[in-house]
C-alpha cells in the first residue's frame, strides 16, 4: 500500500509539472512580444515576463543557488513524505508536499533550461508580482501545510504525573 501511495504521488507530481510546463509554453507562444490579454477586467491579465530571480524579482541571477536549494528541498520532501503516518490529517500534508514539490520542479526546469522562469499571470487590482502555475502550487501547498500543522496536528505530550508530597 505504501508503494502505491508513493507511485501515485510521483504520477500526480508529474501531471502537475506537465500542466505547469504546458502553461508556460502556451504563455511563451501566445504572449511574448504581444500586448497583455485581459481575462477579467481590473482583476486578472496575462502578460509575458521572464524572471531570473525569486518572488518579487529578488536575488536576480541566482540560478544555480536556486537549483541547489530546490534539490535539497525536493530530497527533504521525499524523505518526509515516505516517513509520514498514514491517516487523513497526514494525507493532507502529503497533498501539500506534492504541490510544493511540483511547483519547485516546474520552476527548476525553467531555470535549468532557460536561466529564468516564465511568469504570465498578473493581478490587476493590487501591486503583486507576475506569477505562474508552479507558483500557485507552491503557495497553495504551503498554505495547506500551515493550516494542517496549526489547526489539525496535535502535540502529543507525555502525560504529566502529579507530584505527590510525602507527609
Protein backbone atom coordinates (compact mmCIF):
# COMPACT_ATOMS: atom_id res chain seq x y z
CA UNK A 1 0.00 0.00 0.00
CA UNK A 2 2.85 2.37 0.85
CA UNK A 3 4.43 1.78 -2.57
CA UNK A 4 1.13 2.59 -4.30
CA UNK A 5 0.91 5.92 -2.44
CA UNK A 6 4.47 6.77 -3.47
CA UNK A 7 3.84 5.82 -7.10
CA UNK A 8 0.60 7.81 -7.03
CA UNK A 9 2.46 10.82 -5.62
CA UNK A 10 5.08 10.60 -8.36
CA UNK A 11 2.40 10.36 -11.06
CA UNK A 12 0.41 13.29 -9.60
CA UNK A 13 3.57 15.37 -9.32
CA UNK A 14 4.46 14.57 -12.94
CA UNK A 15 0.96 15.57 -14.10
CA UNK A 16 1.14 18.87 -12.20
CA UNK A 17 4.61 19.63 -13.57
CA UNK A 18 3.39 18.83 -17.08
CA UNK A 19 0.44 21.23 -16.69
CA UNK A 20 2.80 23.95 -15.45
CA UNK A 21 5.21 23.43 -18.35
CA UNK A 22 2.37 23.39 -20.86
CA UNK A 23 1.03 26.67 -19.46
CA UNK A 24 4.48 28.27 -19.76
CA UNK A 25 4.87 27.09 -23.37
CA UNK A 26 1.39 28.45 -24.12
CA UNK A 27 2.32 31.78 -22.50
CA UNK A 28 5.59 31.99 -24.40
CA UNK A 29 3.97 31.18 -27.74
CA UNK A 30 0.96 33.45 -27.29
CA UNK A 31 2.11 36.33 -25.08
CA UNK A 32 5.80 37.00 -25.73
CA UNK A 33 6.20 40.26 -27.61
CA UNK A 34 2.46 40.92 -27.56
CA UNK A 35 0.13 43.18 -25.61
CA UNK A 36 -1.34 41.95 -22.34
CA UNK A 37 -4.55 39.95 -22.53
CA UNK A 38 -7.22 40.84 -20.03
CA UNK A 39 -9.04 37.80 -18.64
CA UNK A 40 -11.17 39.62 -16.07
CA UNK A 41 -11.35 43.44 -16.25
CA UNK A 42 -9.40 45.08 -13.43
CA UNK A 43 -8.72 41.68 -11.84
CA UNK A 44 -6.54 39.32 -13.90
CA UNK A 45 -4.42 39.66 -17.03
CA UNK A 46 -2.00 37.51 -18.97
CA UNK A 47 1.37 39.13 -19.58
CA UNK A 48 4.69 37.53 -20.52
CA UNK A 49 7.56 38.08 -18.11
CA UNK A 50 10.97 36.47 -17.64
CA UNK A 51 12.07 36.25 -14.02
CA UNK A 52 15.72 35.40 -13.39
CA UNK A 53 15.22 35.81 -9.65
CA UNK A 54 12.85 34.64 -6.95
CA UNK A 55 9.49 36.02 -5.82
CA UNK A 56 9.15 39.78 -6.30
CA UNK A 57 12.21 39.61 -8.57
CA UNK A 58 14.66 39.38 -5.66
CA UNK A 59 18.02 37.61 -6.00
CA UNK A 60 18.30 38.18 -9.74
CA UNK A 61 20.81 35.85 -11.34
CA UNK A 62 20.76 33.29 -8.52
CA UNK A 63 20.05 30.46 -10.96
CA UNK A 64 22.46 27.87 -9.54
CA UNK A 65 21.73 28.74 -5.93
CA UNK A 66 18.00 28.27 -6.62
CA UNK A 67 18.65 24.93 -8.32
CA UNK A 68 20.80 23.63 -5.45
CA UNK A 69 18.22 24.81 -2.92
CA UNK A 70 15.43 23.16 -4.94
CA UNK A 71 17.28 19.82 -4.98
CA UNK A 72 17.81 19.99 -1.21
CA UNK A 73 14.13 20.81 -0.65
CA UNK A 74 12.96 18.03 -3.01
CA UNK A 75 15.11 15.46 -1.19
CA UNK A 76 13.76 16.66 2.18
CA UNK A 77 10.18 16.49 0.87
CA UNK A 78 10.71 12.94 -0.46
CA UNK A 79 12.19 11.72 2.82
CA UNK A 80 9.49 13.38 4.91
CA UNK A 81 6.73 12.13 2.58
CA UNK A 82 7.79 8.50 2.99
CA UNK A 83 8.03 8.77 6.78
CA UNK A 84 4.58 10.31 7.35
CA UNK A 85 1.99 8.22 9.19
CA UNK A 86 -0.99 7.01 7.17
CA UNK A 87 -4.14 8.82 8.25
CA UNK A 88 -6.39 11.57 6.96
CA UNK A 89 -4.53 14.51 8.52
CA UNK A 90 -1.22 13.33 7.15
CA UNK A 91 -2.80 12.72 3.75
CA UNK A 92 -3.47 16.48 3.64
CA UNK A 93 0.21 17.05 4.41
CA UNK A 94 1.10 14.65 1.59
CA UNK A 95 -1.02 16.67 -0.84
CA UNK A 96 0.65 19.89 0.28
CA UNK A 97 4.09 18.32 -0.21
CA UNK A 98 3.13 17.13 -3.71
CA UNK A 99 2.02 20.67 -4.61
CA UNK A 100 5.20 22.24 -3.23
CA UNK A 101 7.38 19.66 -4.99
CA UNK A 102 5.56 20.08 -8.32
CA UNK A 103 5.96 23.86 -8.14
CA UNK A 104 9.62 23.59 -7.24
CA UNK A 105 10.28 21.13 -10.04
CA UNK A 106 8.35 23.21 -12.58
CA UNK A 107 10.29 26.38 -11.84
CA UNK A 108 13.58 24.46 -11.61
CA UNK A 109 13.05 23.08 -15.11
CA UNK A 110 12.73 26.66 -16.37
CA UNK A 111 15.84 27.79 -14.53
CA UNK A 112 17.84 24.82 -15.73
CA UNK A 113 16.80 25.04 -19.39
CA UNK A 114 16.34 28.79 -19.82
CA UNK A 115 18.13 30.54 -16.97
CA UNK A 116 14.85 32.21 -16.00
CA UNK A 117 11.27 31.36 -15.01
CA UNK A 118 8.37 32.24 -17.30
CA UNK A 119 5.70 34.17 -15.41
CA UNK A 120 2.46 35.23 -17.06
CA UNK A 121 -0.40 35.74 -14.57
CA UNK A 122 -0.91 39.24 -13.20
CA UNK A 123 -3.39 40.57 -10.67
CA UNK A 124 -4.51 43.99 -11.85
CA UNK A 125 -6.25 45.09 -8.65
CA UNK A 126 -3.13 45.03 -6.44
CA UNK A 127 0.58 45.61 -6.85
CA UNK A 128 1.65 41.96 -6.91
CA UNK A 129 4.42 40.19 -8.83
CA UNK A 130 3.58 38.39 -12.05
CA UNK A 131 3.43 34.65 -11.33
CA UNK A 132 2.88 31.24 -12.93
CA UNK A 133 1.16 27.91 -12.30
CA UNK A 134 4.14 26.49 -10.39
CA UNK A 135 3.98 29.47 -8.03
CA UNK A 136 0.29 28.72 -7.43
CA UNK A 137 1.22 25.14 -6.50
CA UNK A 138 3.90 26.28 -4.03
CA UNK A 139 1.70 28.91 -2.38
CA UNK A 140 -1.35 26.64 -2.18
CA UNK A 141 0.74 23.76 -0.82
CA UNK A 142 2.37 25.99 1.76
CA UNK A 143 -0.95 27.46 2.93
CA UNK A 144 -2.48 23.97 3.17
CA UNK A 145 0.54 22.74 5.11
CA UNK A 146 0.34 25.67 7.52
CA UNK A 147 -3.39 25.16 8.11
CA UNK A 148 -2.96 21.45 8.80
CA UNK A 149 0.02 21.94 11.09
CA UNK A 150 -1.53 24.83 13.01
CA UNK A 151 -5.09 23.55 13.35
CA UNK A 152 -5.08 19.78 12.97
CA UNK A 153 -1.79 18.34 14.18
CA UNK A 154 -1.95 17.83 17.91
CA UNK A 155 1.15 17.89 20.06
CA UNK A 156 1.45 14.56 21.73
CA UNK A 157 2.84 15.44 25.12
CA UNK A 158 3.69 12.80 27.66
CA UNK A 159 1.20 12.60 30.46
CA UNK A 160 2.11 14.80 33.37
CA UNK A 161 2.42 12.90 36.60
CA UNK A 162 1.12 14.67 39.64
CA UNK A 163 3.73 15.34 42.23
CA UNK A 164 2.86 13.75 45.50
CA UNK A 165 4.18 15.15 48.68
CA UNK A 166 5.13 12.70 51.35
CA UNK A 167 3.90 13.95 54.68
